[in-house]
PDB file of N, CA and C in Angstrom:
ATOM      1  N   PRO A   1      -1.526   2.128 -29.341  1.00  0.00           N
ATOM      2  CA  PRO A   1      -2.581   2.479 -30.270  1.00  0.00           C
ATOM      3  C   PRO A   1      -3.467   3.581 -29.701  1.00  0.00           C
ATOM      4  N   TYR A   2      -4.001   4.364 -30.582  1.00  0.00           N
ATOM      5  CA  TYR A   2      -4.862   5.474 -30.187  1.00  0.00           C
ATOM      6  C   TYR A   2      -6.299   5.163 -30.578  1.00  0.00           C
ATOM      7  N   SER A   3      -7.228   5.521 -29.718  1.00  0.00           N
ATOM      8  CA  SER A   3      -8.637   5.274 -30.008  1.00  0.00           C
ATOM      9  C   SER A   3      -9.468   6.465 -29.557  1.00  0.00           C
ATOM     10  N   GLN A   4     -10.524   6.752 -30.282  1.00  0.00           N
ATOM     11  CA  GLN A   4     -11.464   7.801 -29.891  1.00  0.00           C
ATOM     12  C   GLN A   4     -12.400   7.302 -28.792  1.00  0.00           C
ATOM     13  N   ASN A   5     -12.498   5.986 -28.633  1.00  0.00           N
ATOM     14  CA  ASN A   5     -13.413   5.389 -27.675  1.00  0.00           C
ATOM     15  C   ASN A   5     -12.658   4.983 -26.408  1.00  0.00           C
ATOM     16  N   PRO A   6     -12.907   5.645 -25.277  1.00  0.00           N
ATOM     17  CA  PRO A   6     -12.193   5.303 -24.043  1.00  0.00           C
ATOM     18  C   PRO A   6     -12.383   3.853 -23.613  1.00  0.00           C
ATOM     19  N   ARG A   7     -13.490   3.240 -23.984  1.00  0.00           N
ATOM     20  CA  ARG A   7     -13.727   1.838 -23.606  1.00  0.00           C
ATOM     21  C   ARG A   7     -12.677   0.900 -24.201  1.00  0.00           C
ATOM     22  N   ASP A   8     -12.022   1.325 -25.260  1.00  0.00           N
ATOM     23  CA  ASP A   8     -11.002   0.485 -25.881  1.00  0.00           C
ATOM     24  C   ASP A   8      -9.770   0.313 -24.997  1.00  0.00           C
ATOM     25  N   TYR A   9      -9.628   1.139 -23.973  1.00  0.00           N
ATOM     26  CA  TYR A   9      -8.462   1.061 -23.096  1.00  0.00           C
ATOM     27  C   TYR A   9      -8.680   0.138 -21.902  1.00  0.00           C
ATOM     28  N   PHE A  10      -9.876  -0.436 -21.773  1.00  0.00           N
ATOM     29  CA  PHE A  10     -10.148  -1.370 -20.690  1.00  0.00           C
ATOM     30  C   PHE A  10      -9.974  -2.793 -21.196  1.00  0.00           C
ATOM     31  N   VAL A  11      -9.406  -3.633 -20.347  1.00  0.00           N
ATOM     32  CA  VAL A  11      -9.194  -5.032 -20.704  1.00  0.00           C
ATOM     33  C   VAL A  11     -10.480  -5.802 -20.409  1.00  0.00           C
ATOM     34  N   PRO A  12     -10.946  -6.634 -21.335  1.00  0.00           N
ATOM     35  CA  PRO A  12     -12.137  -7.447 -21.055  1.00  0.00           C
ATOM     36  C   PRO A  12     -11.885  -8.385 -19.867  1.00  0.00           C
ATOM     37  N   ASP A  13     -12.934  -8.694 -19.122  1.00  0.00           N
ATOM     38  CA  ASP A  13     -12.803  -9.544 -17.935  1.00  0.00           C
ATOM     39  C   ASP A  13     -12.124 -10.873 -18.235  1.00  0.00           C
ATOM     40  N   ASN A  14     -12.403 -11.457 -19.394  1.00  0.00           N
ATOM     41  CA  ASN A  14     -11.817 -12.765 -19.696  1.00  0.00           C
ATOM     42  C   ASN A  14     -10.318 -12.690 -19.990  1.00  0.00           C
ATOM     43  N   GLU A  15      -9.757 -11.477 -20.107  1.00  0.00           N
ATOM     44  CA  GLU A  15      -8.319 -11.324 -20.329  1.00  0.00           C
ATOM     45  C   GLU A  15      -7.572 -10.899 -19.068  1.00  0.00           C
ATOM     46  N   LEU A  16      -8.294 -10.717 -17.962  1.00  0.00           N
ATOM     47  CA  LEU A  16      -7.647 -10.338 -16.704  1.00  0.00           C
ATOM     48  C   LEU A  16      -6.900 -11.529 -16.125  1.00  0.00           C
ATOM     49  N   PRO A  17      -5.832 -11.279 -15.365  1.00  0.00           N
ATOM     50  CA  PRO A  17      -5.141 -12.379 -14.694  1.00  0.00           C
ATOM     51  C   PRO A  17      -6.097 -13.083 -13.730  1.00  0.00           C
ATOM     52  N   PRO A  18      -5.886 -14.369 -13.472  1.00  0.00           N
ATOM     53  CA  PRO A  18      -6.803 -15.127 -12.604  1.00  0.00           C
ATOM     54  C   PRO A  18      -7.035 -14.487 -11.230  1.00  0.00           C
ATOM     55  N   LEU A  19      -5.993 -13.938 -10.608  1.00  0.00           N
ATOM     56  CA  LEU A  19      -6.186 -13.325  -9.289  1.00  0.00           C
ATOM     57  C   LEU A  19      -7.121 -12.130  -9.354  1.00  0.00           C
ATOM     58  N   VAL A  20      -6.953 -11.304 -10.349  1.00  0.00           N
ATOM     59  CA  VAL A  20      -7.811 -10.122 -10.495  1.00  0.00           C
ATOM     60  C   VAL A  20      -9.224 -10.557 -10.844  1.00  0.00           C
ATOM     61  N   HIS A  21      -9.341 -11.519 -11.731  1.00  0.00           N
ATOM     62  CA  HIS A  21     -10.655 -11.999 -12.161  1.00  0.00           C
ATOM     63  C   HIS A  21     -11.432 -12.588 -10.986  1.00  0.00           C
ATOM     64  N   SER A  22     -10.745 -13.160 -10.017  1.00  0.00           N
ATOM     65  CA  SER A  22     -11.423 -13.778  -8.874  1.00  0.00           C
ATOM     66  C   SER A  22     -11.664 -12.808  -7.729  1.00  0.00           C
ATOM     67  N   GLY A  23     -11.357 -11.530  -7.905  1.00  0.00           N
ATOM     68  CA  GLY A  23     -11.684 -10.545  -6.880  1.00  0.00           C
ATOM     69  C   GLY A  23     -10.494  -9.908  -6.201  1.00  0.00           C
ATOM     70  N   PHE A  24      -9.293 -10.310  -6.534  1.00  0.00           N
ATOM     71  CA  PHE A  24      -8.112  -9.693  -5.945  1.00  0.00           C
ATOM     72  C   PHE A  24      -8.054  -8.234  -6.366  1.00  0.00           C
ATOM     73  N   ASN A  25      -7.680  -7.357  -5.470  1.00  0.00           N
ATOM     74  CA  ASN A  25      -7.676  -5.921  -5.736  1.00  0.00           C
ATOM     75  C   ASN A  25      -6.592  -5.566  -6.755  1.00  0.00           C
ATOM     76  N   PRO A  26      -6.971  -5.045  -7.916  1.00  0.00           N
ATOM     77  CA  PRO A  26      -5.965  -4.734  -8.936  1.00  0.00           C
ATOM     78  C   PRO A  26      -5.095  -3.532  -8.595  1.00  0.00           C
ATOM     79  N   SER A  27      -5.438  -2.784  -7.546  1.00  0.00           N
ATOM     80  CA  SER A  27      -4.588  -1.650  -7.179  1.00  0.00           C
ATOM     81  C   SER A  27      -3.360  -2.119  -6.397  1.00  0.00           C
ATOM     82  N   PHE A  28      -3.330  -3.381  -6.016  1.00  0.00           N
ATOM     83  CA  PHE A  28      -2.171  -3.951  -5.334  1.00  0.00           C
ATOM     84  C   PHE A  28      -1.516  -4.930  -6.294  1.00  0.00           C
ATOM     85  N   ILE A  29      -0.290  -4.654  -6.656  1.00  0.00           N
ATOM     86  CA  ILE A  29       0.405  -5.512  -7.612  1.00  0.00           C
ATOM     87  C   ILE A  29       1.747  -5.924  -7.019  1.00  0.00           C
ATOM     88  N   ALA A  30       2.069  -7.176  -7.131  1.00  0.00           N
ATOM     89  CA  ALA A  30       3.364  -7.679  -6.679  1.00  0.00           C
ATOM     90  C   ALA A  30       3.945  -8.548  -7.786  1.00  0.00           C
ATOM     91  N   THR A  31       5.245  -8.505  -7.912  1.00  0.00           N
ATOM     92  CA  THR A  31       5.922  -9.342  -8.890  1.00  0.00           C
ATOM     93  C   THR A  31       6.916 -10.223  -8.157  1.00  0.00           C
ATOM     94  N   VAL A  32       6.839 -11.505  -8.396  1.00  0.00           N
ATOM     95  CA  VAL A  32       7.777 -12.462  -7.804  1.00  0.00           C
ATOM     96  C   VAL A  32       8.507 -13.112  -8.969  1.00  0.00           C
ATOM     97  N   SER A  33       9.828 -13.100  -8.916  1.00  0.00           N
ATOM     98  CA  SER A  33      10.582 -13.680 -10.025  1.00  0.00           C
ATOM     99  C   SER A  33      11.770 -14.473  -9.490  1.00  0.00           C
ATOM    100  N   HIS A  34      12.373 -15.236 -10.363  1.00  0.00           N
ATOM    101  CA  HIS A  34      13.572 -15.998 -10.019  1.00  0.00           C
ATOM    102  C   HIS A  34      14.466 -16.064 -11.256  1.00  0.00           C
ATOM    103  N   GLU A  35      15.717 -16.418 -11.018  1.00  0.00           N
ATOM    104  CA  GLU A  35      16.629 -16.549 -12.150  1.00  0.00           C
ATOM    105  C   GLU A  35      16.350 -17.859 -12.869  1.00  0.00           C
ATOM    106  N   LYS A  36      16.332 -17.786 -14.184  1.00  0.00           N
ATOM    107  CA  LYS A  36      16.057 -18.966 -14.989  1.00  0.00           C
ATOM    108  C   LYS A  36      17.103 -20.048 -14.713  1.00  0.00           C
ATOM    109  N   GLY A  37      16.632 -21.262 -14.481  1.00  0.00           N
ATOM    110  CA  GLY A  37      17.535 -22.373 -14.241  1.00  0.00           C
ATOM    111  C   GLY A  37      18.009 -22.480 -12.800  1.00  0.00           C
ATOM    112  N   SER A  38      17.611 -21.537 -11.948  1.00  0.00           N
ATOM    113  CA  SER A  38      18.044 -21.563 -10.557  1.00  0.00           C
ATOM    114  C   SER A  38      17.245 -22.611  -9.786  1.00  0.00           C
ATOM    115  N   GLY A  39      17.918 -23.374  -8.956  1.00  0.00           N
ATOM    116  CA  GLY A  39      17.248 -24.377  -8.130  1.00  0.00           C
ATOM    117  C   GLY A  39      16.943 -23.861  -6.740  1.00  0.00           C
ATOM    118  N   ASP A  40      17.282 -22.590  -6.486  1.00  0.00           N
ATOM    119  CA  ASP A  40      17.045 -22.015  -5.166  1.00  0.00           C
ATOM    120  C   ASP A  40      15.551 -21.892  -4.894  1.00  0.00           C
ATOM    121  N   THR A  41      15.200 -22.038  -3.625  1.00  0.00           N
ATOM    122  CA  THR A  41      13.805 -21.847  -3.219  1.00  0.00           C
ATOM    123  C   THR A  41      13.748 -20.810  -2.115  1.00  0.00           C
ATOM    124  N   SER A  42      12.636 -20.169  -2.014  1.00  0.00           N
ATOM    125  CA  SER A  42      12.409 -19.169  -0.970  1.00  0.00           C
ATOM    126  C   SER A  42      11.007 -19.354  -0.415  1.00  0.00           C
ATOM    127  N   GLU A  43      10.880 -19.108   0.870  1.00  0.00           N
ATOM    128  CA  GLU A  43       9.559 -19.114   1.479  1.00  0.00           C
ATOM    129  C   GLU A  43       9.141 -17.677   1.700  1.00  0.00           C
ATOM    130  N   PHE A  44       7.920 -17.388   1.398  1.00  0.00           N
ATOM    131  CA  PHE A  44       7.405 -16.051   1.657  1.00  0.00           C
ATOM    132  C   PHE A  44       5.925 -16.156   1.987  1.00  0.00           C
ATOM    133  N   GLU A  45       5.448 -15.148   2.664  1.00  0.00           N
ATOM    134  CA  GLU A  45       4.049 -15.103   3.077  1.00  0.00           C
ATOM    135  C   GLU A  45       3.423 -13.822   2.541  1.00  0.00           C
ATOM    136  N   ILE A  46       2.253 -13.948   1.993  1.00  0.00           N
ATOM    137  CA  ILE A  46       1.521 -12.783   1.506  1.00  0.00           C
ATOM    138  C   ILE A  46       0.316 -12.582   2.405  1.00  0.00           C
ATOM    139  N   THR A  47       0.208 -11.404   2.953  1.00  0.00           N
ATOM    140  CA  THR A  47      -0.939 -11.060   3.782  1.00  0.00           C
ATOM    141  C   THR A  47      -1.680  -9.934   3.095  1.00  0.00           C
ATOM    142  N   TYR A  48      -2.959 -10.133   2.932  1.00  0.00           N
ATOM    143  CA  TYR A  48      -3.777  -9.131   2.254  1.00  0.00           C
ATOM    144  C   TYR A  48      -4.886  -8.718   3.204  1.00  0.00           C
ATOM    145  N   GLY A  49      -4.982  -7.438   3.480  1.00  0.00           N
ATOM    146  CA  GLY A  49      -6.009  -6.945   4.390  1.00  0.00           C
ATOM    147  C   GLY A  49      -6.666  -5.705   3.821  1.00  0.00           C
ATOM    148  N   ARG A  50      -7.647  -5.227   4.525  1.00  0.00           N
ATOM    149  CA  ARG A  50      -8.375  -4.054   4.051  1.00  0.00           C
ATOM    150  C   ARG A  50      -8.508  -3.063   5.195  1.00  0.00           C
ATOM    151  N   ASN A  51      -8.236  -1.818   4.892  1.00  0.00           N
ATOM    152  CA  ASN A  51      -8.471  -0.721   5.827  1.00  0.00           C
ATOM    153  C   ASN A  51      -9.621   0.096   5.288  1.00  0.00           C
ATOM    154  N   MET A  52     -10.532   0.436   6.164  1.00  0.00           N
ATOM    155  CA  MET A  52     -11.670   1.243   5.737  1.00  0.00           C
ATOM    156  C   MET A  52     -11.337   2.711   5.942  1.00  0.00           C
ATOM    157  N   ASP A  53     -11.416   3.471   4.890  1.00  0.00           N
ATOM    158  CA  ASP A  53     -11.239   4.914   4.979  1.00  0.00           C
ATOM    159  C   ASP A  53     -12.621   5.526   5.152  1.00  0.00           C
ATOM    160  N   VAL A  54     -12.796   6.244   6.237  1.00  0.00           N
ATOM    161  CA  VAL A  54     -14.097   6.826   6.535  1.00  0.00           C
ATOM    162  C   VAL A  54     -13.962   8.337   6.534  1.00  0.00           C
ATOM    163  N   THR A  55     -14.861   8.991   5.858  1.00  0.00           N
ATOM    164  CA  THR A  55     -14.885  10.446   5.837  1.00  0.00           C
ATOM    165  C   THR A  55     -16.167  10.902   6.509  1.00  0.00           C
ATOM    166  N   HIS A  56     -16.018  11.727   7.514  1.00  0.00           N
ATOM    167  CA  HIS A  56     -17.179  12.292   8.197  1.00  0.00           C
ATOM    168  C   HIS A  56     -17.352  13.726   7.723  1.00  0.00           C
ATOM    169  N   ALA A  57     -18.534  14.044   7.279  1.00  0.00           N
ATOM    170  CA  ALA A  57     -18.822  15.407   6.839  1.00  0.00           C
ATOM    171  C   ALA A  57     -19.844  16.012   7.794  1.00  0.00           C
ATOM    172  N   THR A  58     -19.555  17.179   8.288  1.00  0.00           N
ATOM    173  CA  THR A  58     -20.470  17.880   9.179  1.00  0.00           C
ATOM    174  C   THR A  58     -20.813  19.210   8.541  1.00  0.00           C
ATOM    175  N   ARG A  59     -22.090  19.469   8.478  1.00  0.00           N
ATOM    176  CA  ARG A  59     -22.525  20.739   7.918  1.00  0.00           C
ATOM    177  C   ARG A  59     -22.852  21.677   9.075  1.00  0.00           C
ATOM    178  N   ARG A  60     -22.348  22.876   9.030  1.00  0.00           N
ATOM    179  CA  ARG A  60     -22.590  23.854  10.093  1.00  0.00           C
ATOM    180  C   ARG A  60     -24.031  24.347   9.987  1.00  0.00           C
ATOM    181  N   THR A  61     -24.725  24.334  11.113  1.00  0.00           N
ATOM    182  CA  THR A  61     -26.114  24.793  11.141  1.00  0.00           C
ATOM    183  C   THR A  61     -26.312  25.737  12.309  1.00  0.00           C
ATOM    184  N   THR A  62     -27.404  26.421  12.292  1.00  0.00           N
ATOM    185  CA  THR A  62     -27.768  27.333  13.380  1.00  0.00           C
ATOM    186  C   THR A  62     -28.990  26.770  14.080  1.00  0.00           C
ATOM    187  N   HIS A  63     -28.937  26.753  15.405  1.00  0.00           N
ATOM    188  CA  HIS A  63     -30.056  26.243  16.203  1.00  0.00           C
ATOM    189  C   HIS A  63     -30.956  27.403  16.596  1.00  0.00           C
ATOM    190  N   TYR A  64     -32.239  27.256  16.350  1.00  0.00           N
ATOM    191  CA  TYR A  64     -33.225  28.248  16.766  1.00  0.00           C
ATOM    192  C   TYR A  64     -34.143  27.596  17.786  1.00  0.00           C
ATOM    193  N   GLY A  65     -34.374  28.270  18.891  1.00  0.00           N
ATOM    194  CA  GLY A  65     -35.279  27.744  19.911  1.00  0.00           C
ATOM    195  C   GLY A  65     -34.617  27.780  21.264  1.00  0.00           C
ATOM    196  N   ASN A  66     -35.280  27.179  22.232  1.00  0.00           N
ATOM    197  CA  ASN A  66     -34.788  27.170  23.606  1.00  0.00           C
ATOM    198  C   ASN A  66     -33.902  25.961  23.841  1.00  0.00           C
ATOM    199  N   SER A  67     -32.836  26.173  24.579  1.00  0.00           N
ATOM    200  CA  SER A  67     -31.983  25.078  25.007  1.00  0.00           C
ATOM    201  C   SER A  67     -32.214  24.866  26.486  1.00  0.00           C
ATOM    202  N   TYR A  68     -32.494  23.655  26.871  1.00  0.00           N
ATOM    203  CA  TYR A  68     -32.743  23.340  28.276  1.00  0.00           C
ATOM    204  C   TYR A  68     -31.534  22.589  28.807  1.00  0.00           C
ATOM    205  N   LEU A  69     -30.701  23.277  29.549  1.00  0.00           N
ATOM    206  CA  LEU A  69     -29.505  22.683  30.124  1.00  0.00           C
ATOM    207  C   LEU A  69     -29.742  22.421  31.596  1.00  0.00           C
ATOM    208  N   GLU A  70     -29.247  21.310  32.075  1.00  0.00           N
ATOM    209  CA  GLU A  70     -29.391  20.967  33.487  1.00  0.00           C
ATOM    210  C   GLU A  70     -28.659  21.999  34.328  1.00  0.00           C
ATOM    211  N   GLY A  71     -29.325  22.475  35.384  1.00  0.00           N
ATOM    212  CA  GLY A  71     -28.708  23.429  36.292  1.00  0.00           C
ATOM    213  C   GLY A  71     -28.959  24.868  35.913  1.00  0.00           C
ATOM    214  N   SER A  72     -29.691  25.159  34.833  1.00  0.00           N
ATOM    215  CA  SER A  72     -29.944  26.554  34.505  1.00  0.00           C
ATOM    216  C   SER A  72     -31.269  27.009  35.057  1.00  0.00           C
TER     217      SER A  72
END
């Protein structure tokens, strides 16, 4: 469907999956499936962590005045 209102493309919070609604990061998605009627079982472990991306910005400046260096 097409809408003039961009807000129409967002899902209301009450329609989000339980994991996302409880704070799970929606940018990470995994699908686990099995064959219908299969009695097989599998063990798996899910580890979820966070890496902090840090950006350092330095602005170039000019120093005016005297510099006092040891030994000068």
